[in-house]
């Protein structure tokens, strides 16, 4: 974690060195509150998976905070898990099916007070989206970088306090886009102006 760099307060700090410990690059992740990384591993695609806790995002209190990067440390996606109290991830590793296993503690769930919390994610890979209003219609334009050709699913939520990740109860499947080629991709939500709040996530189940 770092308080010297990043968005404010504590942030995840990922530093890559060569074999002699000379820094090659570094990057931070997090928001304006406390975000602390406790675990990092290299993934099969050469990128990195980071796990820790966040007070900047999620359902309230601390939540599990998982960040996936590419080989250069650029964020590909991030997810939070947890409830309204304290949930802290202390270990994350990739599993053989392409998903991830997260281990930590939870206060909202379990038998009472703090309990061990083990979370398994599927091979679905959510991708950060950038939303732009169309200059003519004003509809949200969802843009992302597709790392490979595959079917992509776009979910949305109108609940600002949504808990968890799609396809959970707060999420609506907007569209399934078949065989999207690798590279920059976009989709226009023609109904996106019907709500005062809407957040989007793009996922794929491809390996």
N, C-alpha and C. Protein backbone atom coordinates (compact mmCIF):
# COMPACT_ATOMS: atom_id res chain seq x y z
N UNK A 1 0.84 -1.18 0.00
CA UNK A 1 0.00 0.00 0.00
C UNK A 1 0.88 1.24 0.00
N UNK A 2 0.33 2.33 -0.49
CA UNK A 2 1.07 3.59 -0.53
C UNK A 2 0.17 4.75 -0.15
N UNK A 3 0.76 5.69 0.53
CA UNK A 3 0.08 6.95 0.83
C UNK A 3 0.78 8.10 0.11
N UNK A 4 1.89 7.77 -0.55
CA UNK A 4 2.68 8.80 -1.24
C UNK A 4 2.16 9.06 -2.65
N UNK A 5 1.54 8.04 -3.25
CA UNK A 5 1.05 8.14 -4.63
C UNK A 5 -0.40 7.71 -4.68
N UNK A 6 -1.04 7.90 -5.84
CA UNK A 6 -2.39 7.41 -6.03
C UNK A 6 -3.45 8.46 -5.88
N UNK A 7 -4.69 8.00 -5.64
CA UNK A 7 -5.86 8.86 -5.69
C UNK A 7 -6.17 9.55 -4.37
N UNK A 8 -5.53 9.11 -3.29
CA UNK A 8 -5.80 9.70 -1.99
C UNK A 8 -5.82 8.66 -0.90
N UNK A 9 -5.42 9.05 0.32
CA UNK A 9 -5.31 8.13 1.45
C UNK A 9 -4.46 6.94 1.01
N UNK A 10 -4.76 5.72 1.48
CA UNK A 10 -3.99 4.55 1.06
C UNK A 10 -4.50 4.02 -0.28
N UNK A 11 -3.58 3.53 -1.11
CA UNK A 11 -3.93 2.90 -2.39
C UNK A 11 -3.11 1.64 -2.61
N UNK A 12 -3.66 0.72 -3.40
CA UNK A 12 -2.87 -0.41 -3.87
C UNK A 12 -1.65 0.15 -4.62
N UNK A 13 -0.50 -0.48 -4.44
CA UNK A 13 0.71 -0.06 -5.16
C UNK A 13 1.38 -1.29 -5.72
N UNK A 14 1.43 -1.40 -7.04
CA UNK A 14 2.05 -2.52 -7.73
C UNK A 14 3.36 -2.05 -8.33
N UNK A 15 4.47 -2.70 -7.95
CA UNK A 15 5.80 -2.32 -8.41
C UNK A 15 6.46 -3.53 -9.08
N UNK A 16 6.95 -3.36 -10.29
CA UNK A 16 7.65 -4.42 -11.03
C UNK A 16 9.13 -4.08 -11.08
N UNK A 17 9.97 -5.07 -10.73
CA UNK A 17 11.42 -4.88 -10.79
C UNK A 17 12.05 -5.92 -11.70
N UNK A 18 13.30 -5.71 -12.04
CA UNK A 18 14.05 -6.75 -12.76
C UNK A 18 14.66 -7.70 -11.74
N UNK A 19 15.50 -8.61 -12.20
CA UNK A 19 16.05 -9.65 -11.32
C UNK A 19 16.98 -9.08 -10.26
N UNK A 20 17.44 -7.85 -10.44
CA UNK A 20 18.33 -7.21 -9.47
C UNK A 20 17.60 -6.23 -8.56
N UNK A 21 16.28 -6.16 -8.72
CA UNK A 21 15.51 -5.28 -7.86
C UNK A 21 15.39 -3.86 -8.37
N UNK A 22 15.84 -3.61 -9.59
CA UNK A 22 15.70 -2.28 -10.17
C UNK A 22 14.27 -2.08 -10.65
N UNK A 23 13.65 -0.99 -10.26
CA UNK A 23 12.25 -0.76 -10.62
C UNK A 23 12.11 -0.55 -12.12
N UNK A 24 11.15 -1.28 -12.71
CA UNK A 24 10.85 -1.13 -14.14
C UNK A 24 9.61 -0.26 -14.34
N UNK A 25 8.59 -0.46 -13.52
CA UNK A 25 7.38 0.35 -13.58
C UNK A 25 6.60 0.19 -12.29
N UNK A 26 5.66 1.09 -12.08
CA UNK A 26 4.78 0.97 -10.93
C UNK A 26 3.44 1.60 -11.28
N UNK A 27 2.40 1.20 -10.56
CA UNK A 27 1.08 1.75 -10.79
C UNK A 27 0.27 1.63 -9.51
N UNK A 28 -0.75 2.48 -9.35
CA UNK A 28 -1.59 2.45 -8.16
C UNK A 28 -3.04 2.20 -8.55
N UNK A 29 -3.81 1.70 -7.60
CA UNK A 29 -5.23 1.43 -7.81
C UNK A 29 -5.99 1.83 -6.55
N UNK A 30 -7.16 2.42 -6.73
CA UNK A 30 -7.98 2.77 -5.59
C UNK A 30 -8.65 4.12 -5.76
N UNK A 31 -9.43 4.49 -4.77
CA UNK A 31 -10.16 5.74 -4.79
C UNK A 31 -9.66 6.71 -3.73
N UNK A 32 -10.56 7.54 -3.23
CA UNK A 32 -10.16 8.60 -2.32
C UNK A 32 -10.05 8.15 -0.87
N UNK A 33 -10.52 6.93 -0.56
CA UNK A 33 -10.42 6.42 0.81
C UNK A 33 -9.35 5.32 0.90
N UNK A 34 -9.44 4.47 1.90
CA UNK A 34 -8.39 3.47 2.14
C UNK A 34 -8.57 2.24 1.25
N UNK A 35 -7.51 1.90 0.53
CA UNK A 35 -7.47 0.70 -0.32
C UNK A 35 -6.12 0.05 -0.11
N UNK A 36 -6.11 -1.16 0.45
CA UNK A 36 -4.87 -1.79 0.86
C UNK A 36 -4.76 -3.18 0.25
N UNK A 37 -3.62 -3.43 -0.40
CA UNK A 37 -3.37 -4.71 -1.08
C UNK A 37 -2.60 -5.64 -0.15
N UNK A 38 -3.08 -6.89 -0.01
CA UNK A 38 -2.44 -7.87 0.83
C UNK A 38 -1.91 -9.08 0.07
N UNK A 39 -2.25 -9.21 -1.21
CA UNK A 39 -1.85 -10.40 -1.95
C UNK A 39 -1.71 -10.05 -3.42
N UNK A 40 -0.68 -10.61 -4.08
CA UNK A 40 -0.51 -10.43 -5.52
C UNK A 40 0.14 -11.67 -6.10
N UNK A 41 -0.35 -12.11 -7.25
CA UNK A 41 0.22 -13.26 -7.96
C UNK A 41 0.19 -12.99 -9.45
N UNK A 42 1.15 -13.59 -10.16
CA UNK A 42 1.12 -13.51 -11.62
C UNK A 42 0.12 -14.52 -12.15
N UNK A 43 -0.62 -14.15 -13.19
CA UNK A 43 -1.64 -15.00 -13.77
C UNK A 43 -1.11 -15.69 -15.03
N UNK A 44 -1.87 -16.63 -15.54
CA UNK A 44 -1.40 -17.45 -16.66
C UNK A 44 -1.18 -16.64 -17.93
N UNK A 45 -1.84 -15.49 -18.05
CA UNK A 45 -1.66 -14.66 -19.24
C UNK A 45 -0.50 -13.68 -19.09
N UNK A 46 0.26 -13.78 -17.99
CA UNK A 46 1.40 -12.90 -17.77
C UNK A 46 1.05 -11.64 -17.00
N UNK A 47 -0.23 -11.42 -16.73
CA UNK A 47 -0.64 -10.26 -15.95
C UNK A 47 -0.57 -10.55 -14.46
N UNK A 48 -1.30 -9.76 -13.69
CA UNK A 48 -1.25 -9.90 -12.24
C UNK A 48 -2.64 -9.78 -11.65
N UNK A 49 -2.86 -10.51 -10.54
CA UNK A 49 -4.11 -10.42 -9.80
C UNK A 49 -3.76 -9.93 -8.39
N UNK A 50 -4.44 -8.89 -7.94
CA UNK A 50 -4.19 -8.29 -6.64
C UNK A 50 -5.45 -8.41 -5.78
N UNK A 51 -5.27 -8.69 -4.51
CA UNK A 51 -6.40 -8.78 -3.60
C UNK A 51 -6.13 -8.01 -2.33
N UNK A 52 -7.16 -7.40 -1.78
CA UNK A 52 -7.02 -6.65 -0.55
C UNK A 52 -8.37 -6.15 -0.07
N UNK A 53 -8.39 -4.98 0.50
CA UNK A 53 -9.63 -4.41 1.00
C UNK A 53 -9.78 -2.98 0.49
N UNK A 54 -11.03 -2.53 0.35
CA UNK A 54 -11.30 -1.18 -0.11
C UNK A 54 -12.35 -0.52 0.76
N UNK A 55 -12.15 0.76 1.00
CA UNK A 55 -13.16 1.59 1.65
C UNK A 55 -13.71 2.62 0.67
N UNK A 56 -13.14 2.61 -0.55
CA UNK A 56 -13.55 3.56 -1.58
C UNK A 56 -14.72 3.04 -2.40
N UNK A 57 -14.82 1.73 -2.55
CA UNK A 57 -15.83 1.13 -3.40
C UNK A 57 -16.58 0.05 -2.62
N UNK A 58 -17.63 -0.48 -3.22
CA UNK A 58 -18.33 -1.60 -2.63
C UNK A 58 -19.61 -1.23 -1.92
N UNK A 59 -20.05 -2.13 -1.03
CA UNK A 59 -21.38 -2.02 -0.42
C UNK A 59 -21.38 -1.24 0.89
N UNK A 60 -20.20 -0.94 1.43
CA UNK A 60 -20.12 -0.22 2.69
C UNK A 60 -19.09 -0.85 3.60
N UNK A 61 -18.52 -0.05 4.49
CA UNK A 61 -17.41 -0.53 5.30
C UNK A 61 -16.28 -0.96 4.39
N UNK A 62 -15.48 -1.92 4.83
CA UNK A 62 -14.46 -2.50 3.95
C UNK A 62 -15.07 -3.64 3.14
N UNK A 63 -14.61 -3.80 1.91
CA UNK A 63 -15.03 -4.91 1.05
C UNK A 63 -13.81 -5.54 0.41
N UNK A 64 -13.95 -6.84 0.05
CA UNK A 64 -12.93 -7.46 -0.78
C UNK A 64 -12.74 -6.59 -2.03
N UNK A 65 -11.49 -6.39 -2.43
CA UNK A 65 -11.20 -5.59 -3.62
C UNK A 65 -10.18 -6.39 -4.44
N UNK A 66 -10.56 -6.78 -5.64
CA UNK A 66 -9.72 -7.59 -6.52
C UNK A 66 -9.48 -6.82 -7.81
N UNK A 67 -8.21 -6.73 -8.19
CA UNK A 67 -7.82 -5.99 -9.39
C UNK A 67 -7.01 -6.90 -10.29
N UNK A 68 -7.37 -6.96 -11.56
CA UNK A 68 -6.62 -7.74 -12.57
C UNK A 68 -5.93 -6.77 -13.51
N UNK A 69 -4.64 -7.01 -13.75
CA UNK A 69 -3.88 -6.15 -14.66
C UNK A 69 -3.32 -6.97 -15.82
N UNK A 70 -2.86 -6.26 -16.84
CA UNK A 70 -2.13 -6.92 -17.92
C UNK A 70 -0.66 -7.01 -17.55
N UNK A 71 0.19 -7.39 -18.49
CA UNK A 71 1.60 -7.60 -18.21
C UNK A 71 2.33 -6.31 -17.84
N UNK A 72 1.75 -5.17 -18.21
CA UNK A 72 2.38 -3.87 -17.94
C UNK A 72 1.80 -3.19 -16.71
N UNK A 73 0.89 -3.87 -16.02
CA UNK A 73 0.29 -3.27 -14.83
C UNK A 73 -0.91 -2.40 -15.11
N UNK A 74 -1.39 -2.40 -16.35
CA UNK A 74 -2.58 -1.63 -16.68
C UNK A 74 -3.82 -2.39 -16.24
N UNK A 75 -4.73 -1.74 -15.54
CA UNK A 75 -5.92 -2.42 -15.03
C UNK A 75 -6.81 -2.91 -16.16
N UNK A 76 -7.21 -4.19 -16.09
CA UNK A 76 -8.15 -4.77 -17.03
C UNK A 76 -9.55 -4.79 -16.45
N UNK A 77 -9.64 -5.11 -15.15
CA UNK A 77 -10.93 -5.07 -14.47
C UNK A 77 -10.72 -5.08 -12.97
N UNK A 78 -11.76 -4.72 -12.24
CA UNK A 78 -11.73 -4.81 -10.79
C UNK A 78 -13.12 -5.17 -10.30
N UNK A 79 -13.18 -5.83 -9.13
CA UNK A 79 -14.45 -6.24 -8.55
C UNK A 79 -14.39 -6.11 -7.04
N UNK A 80 -15.55 -5.89 -6.43
CA UNK A 80 -15.65 -5.90 -4.98
C UNK A 80 -16.64 -6.97 -4.55
N UNK A 81 -16.43 -7.49 -3.34
CA UNK A 81 -17.32 -8.47 -2.75
C UNK A 81 -17.51 -8.10 -1.29
N UNK A 82 -18.74 -8.16 -0.81
CA UNK A 82 -18.96 -7.90 0.59
C UNK A 82 -20.30 -7.27 0.88
N UNK A 83 -20.55 -7.05 2.16
CA UNK A 83 -21.78 -6.45 2.62
C UNK A 83 -21.53 -5.09 3.24
N UNK A 84 -22.37 -4.72 4.19
CA UNK A 84 -22.33 -3.37 4.73
C UNK A 84 -21.32 -3.19 5.86
N UNK A 85 -20.73 -4.30 6.37
CA UNK A 85 -19.72 -4.21 7.42
C UNK A 85 -18.33 -4.48 6.84
N UNK A 86 -17.51 -5.19 7.58
CA UNK A 86 -16.11 -5.35 7.17
C UNK A 86 -15.87 -6.70 6.50
N UNK A 87 -15.29 -6.63 5.29
CA UNK A 87 -14.88 -7.82 4.54
C UNK A 87 -13.50 -7.53 3.98
N UNK A 88 -12.51 -8.36 4.34
CA UNK A 88 -11.13 -8.08 3.98
C UNK A 88 -10.50 -9.31 3.34
N UNK A 89 -9.97 -9.14 2.14
CA UNK A 89 -9.33 -10.23 1.40
C UNK A 89 -7.83 -10.23 1.69
N UNK A 90 -7.32 -11.39 2.15
CA UNK A 90 -5.90 -11.50 2.46
C UNK A 90 -5.14 -12.40 1.50
N UNK A 91 -5.86 -13.12 0.64
CA UNK A 91 -5.18 -14.00 -0.31
C UNK A 91 -6.03 -14.17 -1.55
N UNK A 92 -5.40 -14.13 -2.72
CA UNK A 92 -6.10 -14.39 -3.98
C UNK A 92 -5.16 -15.16 -4.89
N UNK A 93 -5.69 -16.19 -5.55
CA UNK A 93 -4.92 -16.97 -6.50
C UNK A 93 -5.81 -17.39 -7.65
N UNK A 94 -5.20 -17.59 -8.81
CA UNK A 94 -5.93 -18.08 -9.97
C UNK A 94 -6.12 -19.59 -9.84
N UNK A 95 -7.28 -20.09 -10.28
CA UNK A 95 -7.58 -21.52 -10.23
C UNK A 95 -7.46 -22.11 -11.64
N UNK A 96 -7.48 -23.43 -11.71
CA UNK A 96 -7.23 -24.10 -12.99
C UNK A 96 -8.32 -23.85 -14.03
N UNK A 97 -9.53 -23.44 -13.59
CA UNK A 97 -10.60 -23.18 -14.54
C UNK A 97 -10.59 -21.75 -15.06
N UNK A 98 -9.57 -20.97 -14.69
CA UNK A 98 -9.46 -19.60 -15.14
C UNK A 98 -10.09 -18.60 -14.20
N UNK A 99 -10.78 -19.08 -13.17
CA UNK A 99 -11.36 -18.18 -12.19
C UNK A 99 -10.36 -17.86 -11.09
N UNK A 100 -10.87 -17.42 -9.94
CA UNK A 100 -10.00 -17.04 -8.84
C UNK A 100 -10.60 -17.50 -7.52
N UNK A 101 -9.73 -17.77 -6.55
CA UNK A 101 -10.15 -18.11 -5.20
C UNK A 101 -9.65 -17.02 -4.26
N UNK A 102 -10.56 -16.50 -3.44
CA UNK A 102 -10.25 -15.41 -2.54
C UNK A 102 -10.47 -15.87 -1.11
N UNK A 103 -9.55 -15.52 -0.23
CA UNK A 103 -9.68 -15.89 1.18
C UNK A 103 -9.50 -14.68 2.07
N UNK A 104 -10.32 -14.58 3.11
CA UNK A 104 -10.20 -13.46 4.01
C UNK A 104 -11.16 -13.58 5.17
N UNK A 105 -11.62 -12.45 5.67
CA UNK A 105 -12.55 -12.45 6.79
C UNK A 105 -13.78 -11.63 6.45
N UNK A 106 -14.87 -11.94 7.14
CA UNK A 106 -16.14 -11.23 6.93
C UNK A 106 -16.84 -11.02 8.25
N UNK A 107 -17.53 -9.91 8.36
CA UNK A 107 -18.37 -9.65 9.53
C UNK A 107 -19.86 -9.75 9.20
N UNK A 108 -20.28 -9.36 7.97
CA UNK A 108 -21.72 -9.45 7.66
C UNK A 108 -22.24 -10.87 7.55
N UNK A 109 -21.38 -11.80 7.11
CA UNK A 109 -21.81 -13.16 6.85
C UNK A 109 -21.19 -14.11 7.88
N UNK A 110 -21.71 -15.32 7.99
CA UNK A 110 -21.13 -16.29 8.88
C UNK A 110 -21.89 -16.44 10.18
N UNK A 111 -21.22 -17.00 11.20
CA UNK A 111 -21.88 -17.37 12.45
C UNK A 111 -21.95 -16.23 13.46
N UNK A 112 -21.17 -15.18 13.22
CA UNK A 112 -21.18 -14.07 14.17
C UNK A 112 -19.81 -13.46 14.31
N UNK A 113 -19.76 -12.17 14.60
CA UNK A 113 -18.51 -11.42 14.67
C UNK A 113 -17.72 -11.71 13.39
N UNK A 114 -16.40 -11.96 13.47
CA UNK A 114 -15.62 -12.23 12.27
C UNK A 114 -15.57 -13.72 11.97
N UNK A 115 -15.66 -14.06 10.69
CA UNK A 115 -15.55 -15.45 10.23
C UNK A 115 -14.64 -15.50 9.02
N UNK A 116 -14.05 -16.68 8.79
CA UNK A 116 -13.33 -16.92 7.55
C UNK A 116 -14.34 -16.77 6.40
N UNK A 117 -13.87 -16.21 5.28
CA UNK A 117 -14.74 -16.10 4.10
C UNK A 117 -13.95 -16.53 2.87
N UNK A 118 -14.43 -17.57 2.22
CA UNK A 118 -13.80 -18.09 1.00
C UNK A 118 -14.75 -17.82 -0.16
N UNK A 119 -14.26 -17.14 -1.17
CA UNK A 119 -15.07 -16.76 -2.33
C UNK A 119 -14.42 -17.33 -3.58
N UNK A 120 -15.21 -18.04 -4.38
CA UNK A 120 -14.74 -18.57 -5.66
C UNK A 120 -15.44 -17.81 -6.78
N UNK A 121 -14.65 -17.29 -7.72
CA UNK A 121 -15.24 -16.64 -8.88
C UNK A 121 -15.14 -17.59 -10.07
N UNK A 122 -16.01 -17.39 -11.02
CA UNK A 122 -15.97 -18.17 -12.24
C UNK A 122 -14.96 -17.61 -13.22
N UNK A 123 -14.86 -18.22 -14.39
CA UNK A 123 -13.92 -17.74 -15.39
C UNK A 123 -14.40 -16.47 -16.10
N UNK A 124 -15.60 -15.97 -15.72
CA UNK A 124 -16.06 -14.74 -16.34
C UNK A 124 -15.06 -13.63 -16.08
N UNK A 125 -14.84 -12.81 -17.07
CA UNK A 125 -13.85 -11.74 -16.92
C UNK A 125 -14.54 -10.41 -17.18
N UNK A 126 -14.76 -9.62 -16.13
CA UNK A 126 -15.38 -8.32 -16.36
C UNK A 126 -14.34 -7.31 -16.84
N UNK A 127 -14.76 -6.43 -17.69
CA UNK A 127 -13.85 -5.43 -18.23
C UNK A 127 -14.36 -4.04 -17.91
N UNK A 128 -13.42 -3.20 -17.47
CA UNK A 128 -13.78 -1.82 -17.22
C UNK A 128 -14.36 -1.19 -18.49
N UNK A 129 -15.41 -0.43 -18.33
CA UNK A 129 -16.00 0.24 -19.47
C UNK A 129 -15.86 1.74 -19.31
N UNK A 130 -15.81 2.40 -20.42
CA UNK A 130 -15.85 3.86 -20.43
C UNK A 130 -17.15 4.27 -21.08
N UNK A 131 -17.91 5.12 -20.44
CA UNK A 131 -19.23 5.50 -20.93
C UNK A 131 -19.18 6.95 -21.41
N UNK A 132 -19.57 7.14 -22.66
CA UNK A 132 -19.63 8.47 -23.26
C UNK A 132 -21.06 8.74 -23.71
N UNK A 133 -21.56 9.97 -23.56
CA UNK A 133 -22.86 10.30 -24.15
C UNK A 133 -22.71 10.55 -25.64
N UNK A 134 -23.62 9.98 -26.42
CA UNK A 134 -23.60 10.22 -27.86
C UNK A 134 -23.87 11.70 -28.11
N UNK A 135 -23.13 12.28 -29.05
CA UNK A 135 -23.23 13.72 -29.28
C UNK A 135 -24.58 14.13 -29.87
N UNK A 136 -25.29 13.19 -30.49
CA UNK A 136 -26.58 13.50 -31.10
C UNK A 136 -27.73 13.06 -30.20
N UNK A 137 -27.74 11.79 -29.80
CA UNK A 137 -28.87 11.25 -29.05
C UNK A 137 -28.74 11.45 -27.54
N UNK A 138 -27.51 11.59 -27.05
CA UNK A 138 -27.29 11.67 -25.61
C UNK A 138 -27.27 10.31 -24.93
N UNK A 139 -27.51 9.22 -25.69
CA UNK A 139 -27.50 7.88 -25.10
C UNK A 139 -26.09 7.50 -24.66
N UNK A 140 -25.97 6.69 -23.60
CA UNK A 140 -24.65 6.23 -23.17
C UNK A 140 -24.01 5.33 -24.23
N UNK A 141 -22.74 5.58 -24.52
CA UNK A 141 -21.95 4.73 -25.40
C UNK A 141 -20.95 3.98 -24.52
N UNK A 142 -21.07 2.66 -24.46
CA UNK A 142 -20.20 1.85 -23.61
C UNK A 142 -19.03 1.39 -24.46
N UNK A 143 -17.82 1.72 -24.05
CA UNK A 143 -16.63 1.36 -24.81
C UNK A 143 -15.67 0.56 -23.94
N UNK A 144 -15.04 -0.45 -24.54
CA UNK A 144 -14.06 -1.27 -23.83
C UNK A 144 -13.08 -1.85 -24.83
N UNK A 145 -12.02 -2.44 -24.32
CA UNK A 145 -11.03 -3.10 -25.17
C UNK A 145 -11.23 -4.61 -25.03
N UNK A 146 -11.61 -5.26 -26.14
CA UNK A 146 -11.78 -6.71 -26.15
C UNK A 146 -10.41 -7.36 -26.38
N UNK A 147 -9.91 -8.15 -25.43
CA UNK A 147 -8.57 -8.72 -25.60
C UNK A 147 -8.51 -9.84 -26.63
N UNK A 148 -9.67 -10.45 -26.93
CA UNK A 148 -9.70 -11.50 -27.94
C UNK A 148 -11.13 -11.60 -28.47
N UNK A 149 -11.28 -12.23 -29.65
CA UNK A 149 -12.61 -12.39 -30.23
C UNK A 149 -13.44 -13.35 -29.39
N UNK A 150 -14.64 -12.93 -29.05
CA UNK A 150 -15.48 -13.73 -28.16
C UNK A 150 -16.87 -13.11 -28.11
N UNK A 151 -17.79 -13.79 -27.42
CA UNK A 151 -19.10 -13.21 -27.12
C UNK A 151 -18.98 -12.37 -25.85
N UNK A 152 -19.51 -11.16 -25.88
CA UNK A 152 -19.46 -10.28 -24.72
C UNK A 152 -20.87 -9.95 -24.27
N UNK A 153 -21.05 -9.90 -22.95
CA UNK A 153 -22.34 -9.60 -22.35
C UNK A 153 -22.24 -8.28 -21.59
N UNK A 154 -23.21 -7.41 -21.78
CA UNK A 154 -23.22 -6.13 -21.08
C UNK A 154 -24.36 -6.13 -20.07
N UNK A 155 -24.01 -5.94 -18.80
CA UNK A 155 -24.97 -5.84 -17.72
C UNK A 155 -25.05 -4.40 -17.25
N UNK A 156 -26.21 -4.02 -16.70
CA UNK A 156 -26.35 -2.70 -16.11
C UNK A 156 -27.08 -2.82 -14.79
N UNK A 157 -26.90 -1.81 -13.94
CA UNK A 157 -27.64 -1.72 -12.69
C UNK A 157 -28.09 -0.28 -12.49
N UNK A 158 -29.27 -0.11 -11.94
CA UNK A 158 -29.78 1.22 -11.61
C UNK A 158 -29.76 1.44 -10.10
N UNK A 159 -29.13 0.50 -9.38
CA UNK A 159 -29.03 0.61 -7.92
C UNK A 159 -27.65 1.15 -7.55
N UNK A 160 -27.54 2.37 -7.05
CA UNK A 160 -26.22 2.93 -6.70
C UNK A 160 -25.52 2.16 -5.60
N UNK A 161 -26.28 1.41 -4.80
CA UNK A 161 -25.71 0.67 -3.69
C UNK A 161 -25.65 -0.83 -3.97
N UNK A 162 -25.52 -1.20 -5.25
CA UNK A 162 -25.53 -2.61 -5.61
C UNK A 162 -24.40 -3.35 -4.91
N UNK A 163 -24.68 -4.60 -4.56
CA UNK A 163 -23.72 -5.45 -3.85
C UNK A 163 -23.35 -6.62 -4.75
N UNK A 164 -22.06 -6.80 -4.98
CA UNK A 164 -21.63 -7.94 -5.78
C UNK A 164 -21.49 -7.59 -7.24
N UNK A 165 -21.43 -8.61 -8.06
CA UNK A 165 -21.13 -8.46 -9.47
C UNK A 165 -22.16 -9.22 -10.30
N UNK A 166 -22.30 -8.87 -11.57
CA UNK A 166 -23.25 -9.58 -12.42
C UNK A 166 -22.88 -11.05 -12.54
N UNK A 167 -23.91 -11.90 -12.70
CA UNK A 167 -25.33 -11.62 -12.91
C UNK A 167 -26.14 -11.65 -11.62
N UNK A 168 -25.79 -10.87 -10.61
CA UNK A 168 -26.52 -10.84 -9.34
C UNK A 168 -27.87 -10.18 -9.48
N UNK A 169 -28.56 -10.10 -8.35
CA UNK A 169 -29.96 -9.66 -8.36
C UNK A 169 -30.12 -8.22 -8.83
N UNK A 170 -29.12 -7.37 -8.61
CA UNK A 170 -29.24 -5.97 -8.97
C UNK A 170 -28.90 -5.68 -10.43
N UNK A 171 -28.45 -6.70 -11.15
CA UNK A 171 -27.96 -6.49 -12.50
C UNK A 171 -28.96 -6.98 -13.55
N UNK A 172 -29.05 -6.26 -14.65
CA UNK A 172 -29.89 -6.62 -15.78
C UNK A 172 -29.01 -6.86 -17.00
N UNK A 173 -29.23 -8.00 -17.68
CA UNK A 173 -28.51 -8.26 -18.92
C UNK A 173 -29.09 -7.38 -20.02
N UNK A 174 -28.30 -6.45 -20.51
CA UNK A 174 -28.76 -5.54 -21.54
C UNK A 174 -28.68 -6.15 -22.93
N UNK A 175 -27.57 -6.81 -23.21
CA UNK A 175 -27.37 -7.33 -24.56
C UNK A 175 -26.25 -8.37 -24.54
N UNK A 176 -26.33 -9.34 -25.45
CA UNK A 176 -25.24 -10.28 -25.72
C UNK A 176 -24.72 -9.99 -27.12
N UNK A 177 -23.46 -9.67 -27.22
CA UNK A 177 -22.85 -9.31 -28.50
C UNK A 177 -21.99 -10.48 -28.98
N UNK A 178 -22.42 -11.19 -30.02
CA UNK A 178 -21.67 -12.38 -30.46
C UNK A 178 -20.45 -12.03 -31.29
N UNK A 179 -19.39 -12.81 -31.09
CA UNK A 179 -18.18 -12.76 -31.92
C UNK A 179 -17.64 -11.34 -32.10
N UNK A 180 -17.48 -10.64 -31.00
CA UNK A 180 -16.87 -9.31 -31.05
C UNK A 180 -15.38 -9.49 -31.33
N UNK A 181 -14.83 -8.84 -32.35
CA UNK A 181 -13.41 -9.01 -32.65
C UNK A 181 -12.53 -8.34 -31.59
N UNK A 182 -11.31 -8.81 -31.50
CA UNK A 182 -10.36 -8.21 -30.56
C UNK A 182 -10.10 -6.76 -30.93
N UNK A 183 -9.93 -5.94 -29.90
CA UNK A 183 -9.65 -4.53 -30.12
C UNK A 183 -10.73 -3.64 -29.52
N UNK A 184 -10.72 -2.36 -29.86
CA UNK A 184 -11.72 -1.43 -29.33
C UNK A 184 -13.14 -1.85 -29.72
N UNK A 185 -14.06 -1.81 -28.76
CA UNK A 185 -15.45 -2.20 -29.00
C UNK A 185 -16.37 -1.21 -28.33
N UNK A 186 -17.59 -1.08 -28.85
CA UNK A 186 -18.55 -0.18 -28.22
C UNK A 186 -19.97 -0.64 -28.48
N UNK A 187 -20.88 -0.18 -27.63
CA UNK A 187 -22.31 -0.47 -27.75
C UNK A 187 -23.09 0.71 -27.21
N UNK A 188 -24.15 1.10 -27.91
CA UNK A 188 -24.98 2.22 -27.49
C UNK A 188 -26.23 1.71 -26.79
N UNK A 189 -26.47 2.20 -25.58
CA UNK A 189 -27.67 1.85 -24.82
C UNK A 189 -28.76 2.86 -25.17
N UNK A 190 -29.67 2.46 -26.03
CA UNK A 190 -30.70 3.39 -26.49
C UNK A 190 -31.75 3.68 -25.42
N UNK A 191 -31.76 2.88 -24.33
CA UNK A 191 -32.68 3.13 -23.22
C UNK A 191 -31.96 3.72 -22.01
N UNK A 192 -30.73 4.13 -22.19
CA UNK A 192 -29.91 4.53 -21.05
C UNK A 192 -30.30 5.81 -20.38
N UNK A 193 -31.16 6.60 -21.00
CA UNK A 193 -31.56 7.87 -20.40
C UNK A 193 -32.82 7.74 -19.55
N UNK A 194 -33.34 6.52 -19.44
CA UNK A 194 -34.60 6.35 -18.73
C UNK A 194 -34.43 6.34 -17.22
N UNK A 195 -33.19 6.25 -16.73
CA UNK A 195 -32.92 6.23 -15.30
C UNK A 195 -31.92 7.32 -14.95
N UNK A 196 -32.00 7.82 -13.71
CA UNK A 196 -31.07 8.87 -13.28
C UNK A 196 -29.69 8.31 -12.98
N UNK A 197 -29.61 6.99 -12.71
CA UNK A 197 -28.33 6.35 -12.43
C UNK A 197 -28.27 5.02 -13.17
N UNK A 198 -27.13 4.75 -13.79
CA UNK A 198 -26.94 3.44 -14.41
C UNK A 198 -25.45 3.16 -14.52
N UNK A 199 -25.05 2.00 -14.05
CA UNK A 199 -23.66 1.57 -14.13
C UNK A 199 -23.58 0.34 -15.01
N UNK A 200 -22.49 0.19 -15.76
CA UNK A 200 -22.36 -0.90 -16.72
C UNK A 200 -21.13 -1.74 -16.43
N UNK A 201 -21.24 -3.04 -16.73
CA UNK A 201 -20.10 -3.95 -16.67
C UNK A 201 -20.17 -4.85 -17.90
N UNK A 202 -19.02 -5.07 -18.52
CA UNK A 202 -18.92 -5.97 -19.67
C UNK A 202 -18.21 -7.24 -19.21
N UNK A 203 -18.78 -8.41 -19.51
CA UNK A 203 -18.15 -9.67 -19.12
C UNK A 203 -18.13 -10.62 -20.31
N UNK A 204 -17.27 -11.63 -20.21
CA UNK A 204 -17.23 -12.71 -21.18
C UNK A 204 -16.91 -13.99 -20.47
N UNK A 205 -17.43 -15.11 -20.96
CA UNK A 205 -17.14 -16.41 -20.35
C UNK A 205 -16.11 -17.18 -21.15
N UNK A 206 -15.47 -16.53 -22.11
CA UNK A 206 -14.44 -17.21 -22.91
C UNK A 206 -13.23 -17.53 -22.06
N UNK A 207 -12.51 -18.60 -22.37
CA UNK A 207 -11.30 -18.94 -21.60
C UNK A 207 -10.19 -17.94 -21.87
